[in-house]
Amino acid sequence: MNHYREPATAMVAMERHSEQMTAAFITELGPPDAIRVGPLPVPTAGPEEVLVRVEAVAVNHVDTFVRSGVYRTELTFPFVIGRDLVGAVAQLGPGVIAFQPGQRVWCNSLGHNGRQGSFAEYAVVPADRLYPLPDGVDPVNAVSILHTAATAYIGLFRAARAAAGETVVVGRGGGVADAAVQLAAATGARVIAVDRAENADWCRACGADEVLDRDDAELVKKLAALAPGGVDVFWDNSGRHDLEATVPLMAQGGRILLSAGLDSRAVLPVGPFYRRDLTIHGFVISNASVRDLTEAAEAINQALASGRLRGRVRTQLPLAAAAEAHRLQEARGHGAPPGRVVLTPTAP
């Protein structure tokens, strides 16, 4: 049963077009089986908008939260799911001069806050949330890292102010950690990755200077030995938030980033925390401003173009398998292999 009440200020549904497209959408909040794949009218680009012919999309945790209703956001039914896309400009709305028809582009902030999503053959994107894709970059590789890289960039550099020469510890836990290791290393930080032993080679390939087994009983002791001057930035993406162990590891003025489940709880040792001038930063990319996203996009494009930023693709599916893609995403962390689930819509 759908208990979601649309706000009185909800945006009207997508502008209708005489042509039809295939899209993955929901008509009520619910489990993956609520996702339907079928025809919807092709939307029309309005003022300061761009219609994009979609080539690749990826599934994120937040997509499943929006679909299920765990993450409440303004939406209208039928609601096309999905945040990320890579595609080509199909139509420019009035007032758009920054893009050209046929140009390869990407976006990572659809599917929430009144915006329809990306899981369709065509999607309308606000021009200020659309970015050019660097020449020669593979769309599937790009879409697998766009959302997580923006999250990592904003967390590291806006929230935690990570800088070259600092010691950054990244507790592993998926695509955000992958991107955080790569971006921090590219900036010149000394990166210590904490992950399962079988992922050590991947962590080093991402740029980690040191890799520790997160299941090692001596983990805290080894972290302290590797950072005798203290850790400047500590970001645990695994969902483990042992602040009682973390706080003593921090350098004076260190910053702790939190990426936690909605029901996570942690114990904070307040005494040593305040004596070290530490700060804790919690954030979600859904709250990022257009300026934040644009700054992140510029850094992401530079890293994509240079080959320093890459994702891992767990599997590639057709758009018709959107419900299966969401089931695979929700099964992550239960013995599932790492990497992003990517779908490839096709448009005439």
Protein backbone atom coordinates (compact mmCIF):
# COMPACT_ATOMS: atom_id res chain seq x y z
CA MET A 1 0.00 0.00 0.00
CA ASN A 2 1.29 3.46 -0.88
CA HIS A 3 1.35 5.80 2.11
CA TYR A 4 3.14 8.59 0.27
CA ARG A 5 1.31 11.88 -0.03
CA GLU A 6 2.54 14.17 -2.76
CA PRO A 7 3.21 17.71 -1.51
CA ALA A 8 0.80 20.38 -2.60
CA THR A 9 3.71 22.08 -4.33
CA ALA A 10 4.69 18.99 -6.36
CA MET A 11 5.77 19.69 -9.90
CA VAL A 12 3.35 18.82 -12.68
CA ALA A 13 4.16 15.68 -14.65
CA MET A 14 6.61 15.72 -17.53
CA GLU A 15 5.61 17.71 -20.56
CA ARG A 16 4.04 15.40 -23.09
CA HIS A 17 5.35 14.71 -26.55
CA SER A 18 3.65 12.88 -29.42
CA GLU A 19 6.39 10.25 -29.55
CA GLN A 20 6.76 7.37 -27.10
CA MET A 21 9.83 6.02 -25.34
CA THR A 22 10.56 3.02 -23.15
CA ALA A 23 11.08 3.91 -19.50
CA ALA A 24 11.43 2.22 -16.11
CA PHE A 25 8.99 3.88 -13.71
CA ILE A 26 6.81 3.43 -10.66
CA THR A 27 3.21 4.41 -10.05
CA GLU A 28 3.50 3.95 -6.28
CA LEU A 29 6.25 3.49 -3.74
CA GLY A 30 7.25 -0.07 -3.01
CA PRO A 31 9.72 -2.94 -3.54
CA PRO A 32 11.63 -3.62 -6.77
CA ASP A 33 8.58 -5.39 -8.17
CA ALA A 34 6.83 -2.00 -8.19
CA ILE A 35 9.07 -0.99 -11.13
CA ARG A 36 7.35 -1.15 -14.49
CA VAL A 37 9.03 -0.98 -17.87
CA GLY A 38 6.87 0.33 -20.68
CA PRO A 39 5.97 3.26 -22.91
CA LEU A 40 5.79 6.85 -21.73
CA PRO A 41 5.64 10.02 -23.81
CA VAL A 42 9.04 11.48 -24.71
CA PRO A 43 9.39 14.65 -22.60
CA THR A 44 10.09 18.02 -24.17
CA ALA A 45 12.93 20.25 -23.07
CA GLY A 46 11.60 23.44 -21.50
CA PRO A 47 13.46 26.71 -20.86
CA GLU A 48 17.02 26.09 -19.60
CA GLU A 49 16.59 22.33 -20.08
CA VAL A 50 18.16 19.74 -22.37
CA LEU A 51 16.60 16.56 -23.74
CA VAL A 52 19.20 13.78 -23.64
CA ARG A 53 19.13 10.49 -25.56
CA VAL A 54 20.28 8.09 -22.85
CA GLU A 55 23.13 5.65 -23.52
CA ALA A 56 23.93 4.30 -20.05
CA VAL A 57 22.56 4.58 -16.52
CA ALA A 58 23.65 3.14 -13.16
CA VAL A 59 21.91 2.08 -9.96
CA ASN A 60 22.75 3.79 -6.66
CA HIS A 61 21.68 3.02 -3.10
CA VAL A 62 19.68 6.23 -2.98
CA ASP A 63 17.66 5.12 -6.02
CA THR A 64 16.34 2.19 -3.99
CA PHE A 65 15.61 4.51 -1.06
CA VAL A 66 13.55 6.83 -3.28
CA ARG A 67 11.69 3.94 -4.93
CA SER A 68 10.80 2.36 -1.58
CA GLY A 69 9.89 5.63 0.16
CA VAL A 70 12.67 5.39 2.77
CA TYR A 71 14.09 8.63 1.37
CA ARG A 72 11.23 11.09 1.08
CA THR A 73 11.45 13.51 -1.79
CA GLU A 74 9.12 15.43 -4.06
CA LEU A 75 8.00 13.28 -6.98
CA THR A 76 5.04 12.75 -9.32
CA PHE A 77 3.64 9.54 -10.74
CA PRO A 78 4.40 7.96 -13.10
CA PHE A 79 7.88 8.53 -11.73
CA VAL A 80 10.90 7.53 -13.79
CA ILE A 81 13.57 6.11 -11.48
CA GLY A 82 17.33 6.74 -11.50
CA ARG A 83 19.84 9.54 -10.95
CA ASP A 84 22.78 9.04 -13.29
CA LEU A 85 23.07 9.03 -17.06
CA VAL A 86 25.48 9.35 -19.92
CA GLY A 87 24.02 10.20 -23.30
CA ALA A 88 23.88 12.63 -26.20
CA VAL A 89 22.04 15.93 -26.58
CA ALA A 90 18.82 15.38 -28.53
CA GLN A 91 17.07 18.74 -28.05
CA LEU A 92 17.99 22.11 -26.59
CA GLY A 93 15.36 24.03 -24.69
CA PRO A 94 14.95 27.79 -25.04
CA GLY A 95 17.86 29.72 -23.56
CA VAL A 96 20.39 26.86 -23.64
CA ILE A 97 23.61 27.81 -25.39
CA ALA A 98 26.23 25.76 -23.52
CA PHE A 99 25.61 22.51 -25.41
CA GLN A 100 25.29 21.34 -29.01
CA PRO A 101 23.01 18.70 -30.57
CA GLY A 102 24.73 15.32 -30.56
CA GLN A 103 27.24 16.30 -27.85
CA ARG A 104 28.07 13.61 -25.29
CA VAL A 105 26.96 14.64 -21.80
CA TRP A 106 26.33 13.32 -18.31
CA CYS A 107 24.27 14.04 -15.20
CA ASN A 108 24.18 12.59 -11.68
CA SER A 109 21.31 14.41 -9.97
CA LEU A 110 18.03 13.37 -11.55
CA GLY A 111 15.29 11.32 -9.92
CA HIS A 112 14.59 13.39 -6.80
CA ASN A 113 13.43 16.81 -5.61
CA GLY A 114 10.80 17.07 -8.34
CA ARG A 115 13.03 15.90 -11.20
CA GLN A 116 12.08 12.83 -13.20
CA GLY A 117 14.76 10.16 -13.42
CA SER A 118 17.20 8.76 -15.95
CA PHE A 119 16.02 5.17 -16.55
CA ALA A 120 14.50 5.84 -19.95
CA GLU A 121 15.46 6.21 -23.57
CA TYR A 122 15.20 9.98 -23.16
CA ALA A 123 15.49 12.26 -20.13
CA VAL A 124 15.13 15.99 -19.57
CA VAL A 125 18.00 17.51 -17.60
CA PRO A 126 18.27 21.05 -16.23
CA ALA A 127 21.12 22.65 -18.16
CA ASP A 128 22.92 23.65 -14.95
CA ARG A 129 23.05 20.00 -13.87
CA LEU A 130 24.39 18.71 -17.19
CA TYR A 131 28.09 18.36 -17.97
CA PRO A 132 30.08 17.52 -21.12
CA LEU A 133 31.65 14.06 -21.24
CA PRO A 134 35.36 14.27 -22.15
CA ASP A 135 36.27 12.88 -25.56
CA GLY A 136 37.27 9.24 -25.60
CA VAL A 137 35.73 8.35 -22.23
CA ASP A 138 33.73 5.12 -22.25
CA PRO A 139 30.07 5.81 -21.28
CA VAL A 140 29.73 2.62 -19.23
CA ASN A 141 32.89 3.26 -17.22
CA ALA A 142 31.88 6.89 -16.71
CA VAL A 143 28.34 6.19 -15.52
CA SER A 144 29.65 3.60 -13.06
CA ILE A 145 31.56 6.28 -11.11
CA LEU A 146 29.68 9.58 -11.59
CA HIS A 147 27.46 9.54 -8.52
CA THR A 148 30.02 8.04 -6.17
CA ALA A 149 32.81 10.31 -7.42
CA ALA A 150 30.74 13.42 -6.81
CA THR A 151 29.91 12.15 -3.32
CA ALA A 152 33.59 11.45 -2.66
CA TYR A 153 34.72 14.81 -4.00
CA ILE A 154 32.22 16.86 -2.01
CA GLY A 155 32.90 14.84 1.14
CA LEU A 156 36.67 15.05 0.89
CA PHE A 157 37.14 18.60 -0.29
CA ARG A 158 34.08 20.62 0.71
CA ALA A 159 33.21 18.94 4.00
CA ALA A 160 36.60 17.62 5.20
CA ARG A 161 38.92 20.06 3.38
CA ALA A 162 41.43 17.28 2.57
CA ALA A 163 44.73 18.60 1.23
CA ALA A 164 47.98 17.43 -0.28
CA GLY A 165 50.36 15.95 2.27
CA GLU A 166 47.64 15.02 4.75
CA THR A 167 46.97 11.48 5.89
CA VAL A 168 43.55 10.24 4.77
CA VAL A 169 42.10 6.93 5.96
CA VAL A 170 39.30 5.49 3.83
CA GLY A 171 37.33 2.64 5.32
CA ARG A 172 36.18 0.67 2.32
CA GLY A 173 32.57 0.05 1.42
CA GLY A 174 31.82 0.34 -2.28
CA GLY A 175 31.94 2.94 -5.01
CA VAL A 176 32.26 6.01 -2.80
CA ALA A 177 35.33 4.52 -1.15
CA ASP A 178 36.77 3.60 -4.56
CA ALA A 179 36.39 7.18 -5.73
CA ALA A 180 37.59 8.67 -2.42
CA VAL A 181 40.84 6.71 -2.59
CA GLN A 182 41.41 7.74 -6.21
CA LEU A 183 40.59 11.43 -5.73
CA ALA A 184 42.53 11.79 -2.47
CA ALA A 185 45.59 10.11 -4.00
CA ALA A 186 45.36 12.32 -7.10
CA THR A 187 45.37 15.38 -4.84
CA GLY A 188 48.62 14.32 -3.20
CA ALA A 189 47.27 13.03 0.09
CA ARG A 190 48.77 9.97 1.74
CA VAL A 191 45.98 7.40 1.59
CA ILE A 192 45.51 4.42 3.88
CA ALA A 193 42.74 2.10 2.70
CA VAL A 194 41.02 -0.31 5.07
CA ASP A 195 39.29 -3.16 3.27
CA ARG A 196 38.89 -6.89 3.06
CA ALA A 197 42.14 -8.66 2.27
CA GLU A 198 40.92 -9.83 -1.14
CA ASN A 199 40.48 -6.21 -2.26
CA ALA A 200 44.04 -5.11 -1.45
CA ASP A 201 45.26 -5.13 -5.06
CA TRP A 202 42.30 -3.03 -6.20
CA CYS A 203 42.93 -0.51 -3.40
CA ARG A 204 46.54 -0.13 -4.49
CA ALA A 205 45.45 0.23 -8.11
CA CYS A 206 43.21 3.08 -6.95
CA GLY A 207 46.23 4.83 -5.45
CA ALA A 208 46.30 3.74 -1.81
CA ASP A 209 49.76 4.06 -0.26
CA GLU A 210 48.97 1.50 2.41
CA VAL A 211 46.24 -1.14 2.65
CA LEU A 212 45.11 -2.80 5.88
CA ASP A 213 42.77 -5.75 6.37
CA ARG A 214 39.62 -4.44 8.00
CA ASP A 215 39.12 -7.80 9.78
CA ASP A 216 42.60 -7.74 11.35
CA ALA A 217 42.35 -7.91 15.13
CA GLU A 218 45.33 -5.52 15.28
CA LEU A 219 43.82 -2.99 12.87
CA VAL A 220 43.70 -0.02 15.25
CA LYS A 221 47.25 -0.68 16.44
CA LYS A 222 48.51 -0.87 12.85
CA LEU A 223 46.70 2.33 11.88
CA ALA A 224 48.35 4.13 14.78
CA ALA A 225 51.76 2.84 13.68
CA LEU A 226 51.23 4.00 10.08
CA ALA A 227 50.08 7.47 11.19
CA PRO A 228 52.21 8.38 14.22
CA GLY A 229 51.38 12.05 13.72
CA GLY A 230 47.67 11.30 13.60
CA VAL A 231 45.06 10.95 10.87
CA ASP A 232 43.87 14.19 9.29
CA VAL A 233 40.75 12.81 7.56
CA PHE A 234 38.98 9.58 8.50
CA TRP A 235 36.12 8.36 6.32
CA ASP A 236 34.58 4.98 7.04
CA ASN A 237 32.32 3.93 4.17
CA SER A 238 31.75 0.42 5.47
CA GLY A 239 28.98 1.37 7.88
CA ARG A 240 31.20 0.73 10.89
CA HIS A 241 31.47 3.80 13.10
CA ASP A 242 33.65 2.88 16.05
CA LEU A 243 34.35 6.42 17.17
CA GLU A 244 35.81 5.20 20.45
CA ALA A 245 38.62 3.60 18.42
CA THR A 246 38.79 6.33 15.78
CA VAL A 247 39.07 9.46 17.92
CA PRO A 248 42.42 8.53 19.55
CA LEU A 249 43.89 8.02 16.05
CA MET A 250 43.11 11.56 14.91
CA ALA A 251 45.57 14.41 14.51
CA GLN A 252 44.92 17.78 16.13
CA GLY A 253 42.18 19.46 14.10
CA GLY A 254 41.32 16.19 12.32
CA ARG A 255 38.04 15.68 10.51
CA ILE A 256 35.81 12.61 10.62
CA LEU A 257 33.31 12.02 7.81
CA LEU A 258 30.17 9.98 8.38
CA SER A 259 28.43 7.94 5.70
CA ALA A 260 25.97 5.89 7.67
CA GLY A 261 22.84 3.84 7.31
CA LEU A 262 19.61 5.56 8.24
CA ASP A 263 19.40 3.70 11.56
CA SER A 264 23.11 3.79 12.49
CA ARG A 265 24.18 4.73 16.01
CA ALA A 266 27.62 5.44 17.43
CA VAL A 267 29.20 6.28 20.80
CA LEU A 268 31.24 9.50 20.82
CA PRO A 269 34.05 9.88 23.39
CA VAL A 270 33.45 13.56 23.94
CA GLY A 271 36.44 14.27 26.19
CA PRO A 272 39.28 13.33 23.82
CA PHE A 273 37.19 14.55 20.89
CA TYR A 274 36.99 18.17 21.97
CA ARG A 275 40.52 18.29 23.35
CA ARG A 276 41.87 17.47 19.89
CA ASP A 277 39.76 20.16 18.15
CA LEU A 278 38.13 17.46 16.03
CA THR A 279 35.04 17.86 13.88
CA ILE A 280 32.53 15.36 12.51
CA HIS A 281 30.88 15.98 9.15
CA GLY A 282 27.77 14.21 7.98
CA PHE A 283 26.35 14.90 4.55
CA VAL A 284 24.41 13.39 1.67
CA ILE A 285 24.91 14.35 -1.95
CA SER A 286 21.15 14.96 -2.29
CA ASN A 287 21.71 18.18 -0.32
CA ALA A 288 24.53 19.36 -2.57
CA SER A 289 24.00 22.68 -4.31
CA VAL A 290 24.31 23.17 -8.06
CA ARG A 291 27.58 24.95 -7.35
CA ASP A 292 28.86 21.97 -5.34
CA LEU A 293 27.92 19.57 -8.13
CA THR A 294 29.48 21.76 -10.82
CA GLU A 295 32.76 22.01 -8.92
CA ALA A 296 32.76 18.24 -8.44
CA ALA A 297 31.95 17.70 -12.12
CA GLU A 298 34.97 19.74 -13.21
CA ALA A 299 37.26 17.61 -11.05
CA ILE A 300 35.58 14.40 -12.21
CA ASN A 301 35.99 15.34 -15.87
CA GLN A 302 39.67 16.09 -15.38
CA ALA A 303 40.18 12.73 -13.67
CA LEU A 304 38.15 10.86 -16.31
CA ALA A 305 40.04 12.51 -19.16
CA SER A 306 43.40 11.63 -17.63
CA GLY A 307 42.39 8.06 -16.85
CA ARG A 308 42.92 8.55 -13.10
CA LEU A 309 39.27 7.83 -12.26
CA ARG A 310 37.63 4.53 -13.00
CA GLY A 311 34.80 2.49 -11.63
CA ARG A 312 34.00 -1.19 -11.42
CA VAL A 313 31.04 -2.62 -13.32
CA ARG A 314 29.47 -5.61 -11.62
CA THR A 315 27.07 -6.39 -14.44
CA GLN A 316 25.50 -4.74 -17.47
CA LEU A 317 21.79 -5.20 -18.14
CA PRO A 318 19.14 -3.90 -20.55
CA LEU A 319 16.60 -1.33 -19.38
CA ALA A 320 13.94 -4.05 -19.28
CA ALA A 321 15.83 -5.55 -16.30
CA ALA A 322 15.46 -2.43 -14.12
CA ALA A 323 13.66 -4.30 -11.32
CA GLU A 324 16.37 -6.98 -11.31
CA ALA A 325 18.99 -4.22 -11.18
CA HIS A 326 17.38 -2.81 -8.03
CA ARG A 327 17.25 -6.28 -6.48
CA LEU A 328 20.95 -6.74 -7.18
CA GLN A 329 21.72 -3.35 -5.63
CA GLU A 330 19.79 -4.18 -2.48
CA ALA A 331 21.58 -7.54 -2.22
CA ARG A 332 24.97 -5.81 -2.16
CA GLY A 333 26.90 -6.54 1.01
CA HIS A 334 25.47 -10.07 1.30
CA GLY A 335 28.28 -11.86 -0.49
CA ALA A 336 27.65 -10.07 -3.79
CA PRO A 337 30.61 -9.13 -5.98
CA PRO A 338 31.74 -5.47 -5.98
CA GLY A 339 30.92 -3.00 -8.70
CA ARG A 340 28.07 -0.98 -10.15
CA VAL A 341 25.01 -2.34 -11.93
CA VAL A 342 24.81 -0.53 -15.28
CA LEU A 343 21.89 -0.52 -17.71
CA THR A 344 21.99 0.50 -21.35
CA PRO A 345 18.76 1.94 -22.73
CA THR A 346 18.52 2.07 -26.49
CA ALA A 347 16.81 4.81 -28.46
CA PRO A 348 16.14 5.12 -32.19
